[in-house]
Amino acid sequence: MEIKVLGPGCAKCKEAEKVVLEAVKESGVDATVEKIADFQQIAGFGVFSTPAVVIDGEVKVVGKVPSKADVLSWLK
């Protein structure tokens, strides 16, 4: 599973990355988490508001920090 956290490094982007990493660890899922800060790469996903989370190429959330419960449900 490939997870991307999109955001330039703002506080909410860092929080989103932290929540995703915690959820992956808690779930035990084999996943790669990558932080993407480049605006052109972020725009390539059709995302224009950060933070955003992309799992296996599918944008799951845009413009807010997801809850750990949300992330855990996406990992199933």
N, C-alpha and C. Protein backbone atom coordinates (compact mmCIF):
# COMPACT_ATOMS: atom_id res chain seq x y z
N MET A 1 0.85 -1.18 0.00
CA MET A 1 0.00 0.00 0.00
C MET A 1 0.89 1.24 0.00
N GLU A 2 0.53 2.19 -0.80
CA GLU A 2 1.32 3.42 -0.92
C GLU A 2 0.46 4.61 -0.47
N ILE A 3 0.95 5.31 0.54
CA ILE A 3 0.23 6.46 1.10
C ILE A 3 1.08 7.70 0.91
N LYS A 4 0.43 8.76 0.44
CA LYS A 4 1.12 10.03 0.27
C LYS A 4 0.38 11.09 1.09
N VAL A 5 1.16 11.85 1.87
CA VAL A 5 0.61 12.98 2.62
C VAL A 5 1.08 14.22 1.87
N LEU A 6 0.12 14.99 1.38
CA LEU A 6 0.44 16.16 0.56
C LEU A 6 0.34 17.43 1.38
N GLY A 7 1.37 18.23 1.36
CA GLY A 7 1.34 19.51 2.06
C GLY A 7 2.72 20.12 2.15
N PRO A 8 2.78 21.45 2.19
CA PRO A 8 4.05 22.16 2.16
C PRO A 8 4.83 22.14 3.47
N GLY A 9 4.23 21.68 4.54
CA GLY A 9 4.94 21.66 5.82
C GLY A 9 4.29 22.51 6.89
N CYS A 10 3.07 22.92 6.65
CA CYS A 10 2.35 23.71 7.66
C CYS A 10 2.01 22.82 8.85
N ALA A 11 1.53 23.42 9.93
CA ALA A 11 1.22 22.66 11.15
C ALA A 11 0.19 21.57 10.88
N LYS A 12 -0.85 21.88 10.11
CA LYS A 12 -1.88 20.89 9.82
C LYS A 12 -1.34 19.77 8.95
N CYS A 13 -0.42 20.09 8.06
CA CYS A 13 0.19 19.06 7.21
C CYS A 13 1.03 18.10 8.05
N LYS A 14 1.78 18.64 9.00
CA LYS A 14 2.58 17.81 9.89
C LYS A 14 1.68 16.94 10.75
N GLU A 15 0.57 17.50 11.21
CA GLU A 15 -0.38 16.73 12.02
C GLU A 15 -0.99 15.60 11.20
N ALA A 16 -1.34 15.87 9.94
CA ALA A 16 -1.90 14.84 9.07
C ALA A 16 -0.90 13.69 8.90
N GLU A 17 0.37 14.03 8.70
CA GLU A 17 1.39 13.00 8.54
C GLU A 17 1.52 12.17 9.83
N LYS A 18 1.47 12.83 10.97
CA LYS A 18 1.57 12.14 12.26
C LYS A 18 0.40 11.17 12.44
N VAL A 19 -0.81 11.62 12.14
CA VAL A 19 -2.01 10.77 12.27
C VAL A 19 -1.89 9.56 11.35
N VAL A 20 -1.47 9.77 10.11
CA VAL A 20 -1.33 8.66 9.16
C VAL A 20 -0.30 7.66 9.65
N LEU A 21 0.85 8.14 10.11
CA LEU A 21 1.91 7.24 10.59
C LEU A 21 1.43 6.43 11.80
N GLU A 22 0.71 7.09 12.72
CA GLU A 22 0.18 6.39 13.89
C GLU A 22 -0.82 5.31 13.47
N ALA A 23 -1.70 5.64 12.53
CA ALA A 23 -2.72 4.69 12.08
C ALA A 23 -2.08 3.49 11.38
N VAL A 24 -1.07 3.73 10.57
CA VAL A 24 -0.38 2.63 9.87
C VAL A 24 0.28 1.71 10.90
N LYS A 25 0.94 2.31 11.88
CA LYS A 25 1.61 1.51 12.92
C LYS A 25 0.58 0.69 13.70
N GLU A 26 -0.52 1.34 14.07
CA GLU A 26 -1.57 0.67 14.87
C GLU A 26 -2.23 -0.46 14.08
N SER A 27 -2.43 -0.27 12.79
CA SER A 27 -3.14 -1.26 11.98
C SER A 27 -2.26 -2.45 11.61
N GLY A 28 -0.93 -2.23 11.59
CA GLY A 28 -0.03 -3.29 11.20
C GLY A 28 0.02 -3.52 9.70
N VAL A 29 -0.62 -2.65 8.93
CA VAL A 29 -0.64 -2.77 7.47
C VAL A 29 0.75 -2.47 6.92
N ASP A 30 1.14 -3.21 5.89
CA ASP A 30 2.41 -2.96 5.23
C ASP A 30 2.21 -1.81 4.25
N ALA A 31 2.66 -0.62 4.63
CA ALA A 31 2.44 0.56 3.80
C ALA A 31 3.68 1.44 3.79
N THR A 32 3.86 2.12 2.68
CA THR A 32 4.91 3.13 2.54
C THR A 32 4.25 4.48 2.65
N VAL A 33 4.75 5.33 3.55
CA VAL A 33 4.19 6.68 3.71
C VAL A 33 5.22 7.67 3.19
N GLU A 34 4.77 8.50 2.25
CA GLU A 34 5.66 9.49 1.64
C GLU A 34 5.06 10.88 1.83
N LYS A 35 5.90 11.83 2.23
CA LYS A 35 5.46 13.22 2.38
C LYS A 35 5.82 13.96 1.11
N ILE A 36 4.86 14.64 0.51
CA ILE A 36 5.11 15.39 -0.72
C ILE A 36 4.81 16.87 -0.45
N ALA A 37 5.83 17.71 -0.64
CA ALA A 37 5.70 19.14 -0.39
C ALA A 37 5.73 19.97 -1.67
N ASP A 38 6.10 19.35 -2.79
CA ASP A 38 6.20 20.07 -4.06
C ASP A 38 4.81 20.40 -4.61
N PHE A 39 4.55 21.70 -4.82
CA PHE A 39 3.22 22.12 -5.24
C PHE A 39 2.81 21.56 -6.60
N GLN A 40 3.76 21.38 -7.50
CA GLN A 40 3.40 20.82 -8.81
C GLN A 40 2.98 19.36 -8.68
N GLN A 41 3.68 18.61 -7.83
CA GLN A 41 3.28 17.22 -7.60
C GLN A 41 1.91 17.16 -6.93
N ILE A 42 1.69 18.05 -5.96
CA ILE A 42 0.41 18.09 -5.25
C ILE A 42 -0.71 18.41 -6.24
N ALA A 43 -0.49 19.40 -7.08
CA ALA A 43 -1.50 19.78 -8.09
C ALA A 43 -1.75 18.65 -9.07
N GLY A 44 -0.74 17.82 -9.31
CA GLY A 44 -0.89 16.68 -10.20
C GLY A 44 -1.94 15.69 -9.72
N PHE A 45 -2.24 15.71 -8.43
CA PHE A 45 -3.30 14.86 -7.88
C PHE A 45 -4.66 15.56 -7.94
N GLY A 46 -4.69 16.80 -8.47
CA GLY A 46 -5.93 17.55 -8.51
C GLY A 46 -6.25 18.19 -7.17
N VAL A 47 -5.23 18.31 -6.33
CA VAL A 47 -5.40 18.85 -4.98
C VAL A 47 -4.90 20.29 -4.96
N PHE A 48 -5.77 21.18 -4.48
CA PHE A 48 -5.39 22.60 -4.41
C PHE A 48 -5.55 23.16 -3.01
N SER A 49 -5.85 22.30 -2.05
CA SER A 49 -5.98 22.68 -0.65
C SER A 49 -5.31 21.58 0.17
N THR A 50 -4.45 21.98 1.10
CA THR A 50 -3.73 20.99 1.89
C THR A 50 -4.11 21.12 3.36
N PRO A 51 -3.89 20.12 4.15
CA PRO A 51 -3.28 18.85 3.82
C PRO A 51 -4.22 17.94 3.04
N ALA A 52 -3.64 16.94 2.41
CA ALA A 52 -4.42 15.93 1.69
C ALA A 52 -3.74 14.58 1.89
N VAL A 53 -4.54 13.52 1.81
CA VAL A 53 -4.01 12.17 1.94
C VAL A 53 -4.44 11.36 0.72
N VAL A 54 -3.48 10.69 0.10
CA VAL A 54 -3.72 9.86 -1.08
C VAL A 54 -3.30 8.44 -0.74
N ILE A 55 -4.20 7.48 -0.95
CA ILE A 55 -3.88 6.08 -0.70
C ILE A 55 -4.03 5.30 -2.00
N ASP A 56 -2.94 4.67 -2.42
CA ASP A 56 -2.91 3.92 -3.68
C ASP A 56 -3.51 4.70 -4.84
N GLY A 57 -3.13 5.99 -4.94
CA GLY A 57 -3.55 6.83 -6.05
C GLY A 57 -4.92 7.47 -5.89
N GLU A 58 -5.66 7.13 -4.83
CA GLU A 58 -7.00 7.69 -4.62
C GLU A 58 -6.95 8.75 -3.53
N VAL A 59 -7.40 9.98 -3.86
CA VAL A 59 -7.42 11.06 -2.88
C VAL A 59 -8.53 10.77 -1.88
N LYS A 60 -8.15 10.70 -0.59
CA LYS A 60 -9.11 10.35 0.46
C LYS A 60 -9.64 11.56 1.22
N VAL A 61 -8.80 12.57 1.40
CA VAL A 61 -9.23 13.77 2.13
C VAL A 61 -8.41 14.96 1.63
N VAL A 62 -9.08 16.12 1.58
CA VAL A 62 -8.43 17.35 1.12
C VAL A 62 -8.82 18.49 2.05
N GLY A 63 -7.83 19.29 2.45
CA GLY A 63 -8.12 20.51 3.19
C GLY A 63 -8.33 20.36 4.67
N LYS A 64 -8.13 19.15 5.22
CA LYS A 64 -8.27 18.99 6.66
C LYS A 64 -7.44 17.80 7.13
N VAL A 65 -7.20 17.78 8.42
CA VAL A 65 -6.47 16.67 9.03
C VAL A 65 -7.49 15.55 9.26
N PRO A 66 -7.23 14.37 8.73
CA PRO A 66 -8.17 13.26 8.95
C PRO A 66 -8.06 12.75 10.38
N SER A 67 -9.14 12.16 10.86
CA SER A 67 -9.08 11.52 12.17
C SER A 67 -8.37 10.18 12.02
N LYS A 68 -7.81 9.69 13.12
CA LYS A 68 -7.15 8.39 13.07
C LYS A 68 -8.15 7.31 12.68
N ALA A 69 -9.39 7.42 13.16
CA ALA A 69 -10.44 6.45 12.82
C ALA A 69 -10.69 6.43 11.31
N ASP A 70 -10.70 7.60 10.68
CA ASP A 70 -10.88 7.66 9.22
C ASP A 70 -9.74 6.94 8.52
N VAL A 71 -8.51 7.24 8.93
CA VAL A 71 -7.36 6.63 8.28
C VAL A 71 -7.40 5.11 8.46
N LEU A 72 -7.72 4.66 9.66
CA LEU A 72 -7.78 3.22 9.91
C LEU A 72 -8.82 2.56 9.00
N SER A 73 -9.94 3.23 8.77
CA SER A 73 -10.97 2.65 7.90
C SER A 73 -10.49 2.58 6.45
N TRP A 74 -9.65 3.53 6.03
CA TRP A 74 -9.13 3.54 4.66
C TRP A 74 -8.09 2.44 4.46
N LEU A 75 -7.46 2.02 5.54
CA LEU A 75 -6.40 1.01 5.44
C LEU A 75 -6.93 -0.40 5.33
N LYS A 76 -8.22 -0.57 5.54
CA LYS A 76 -8.80 -1.93 5.49
C LYS A 76 -9.12 -2.35 4.10
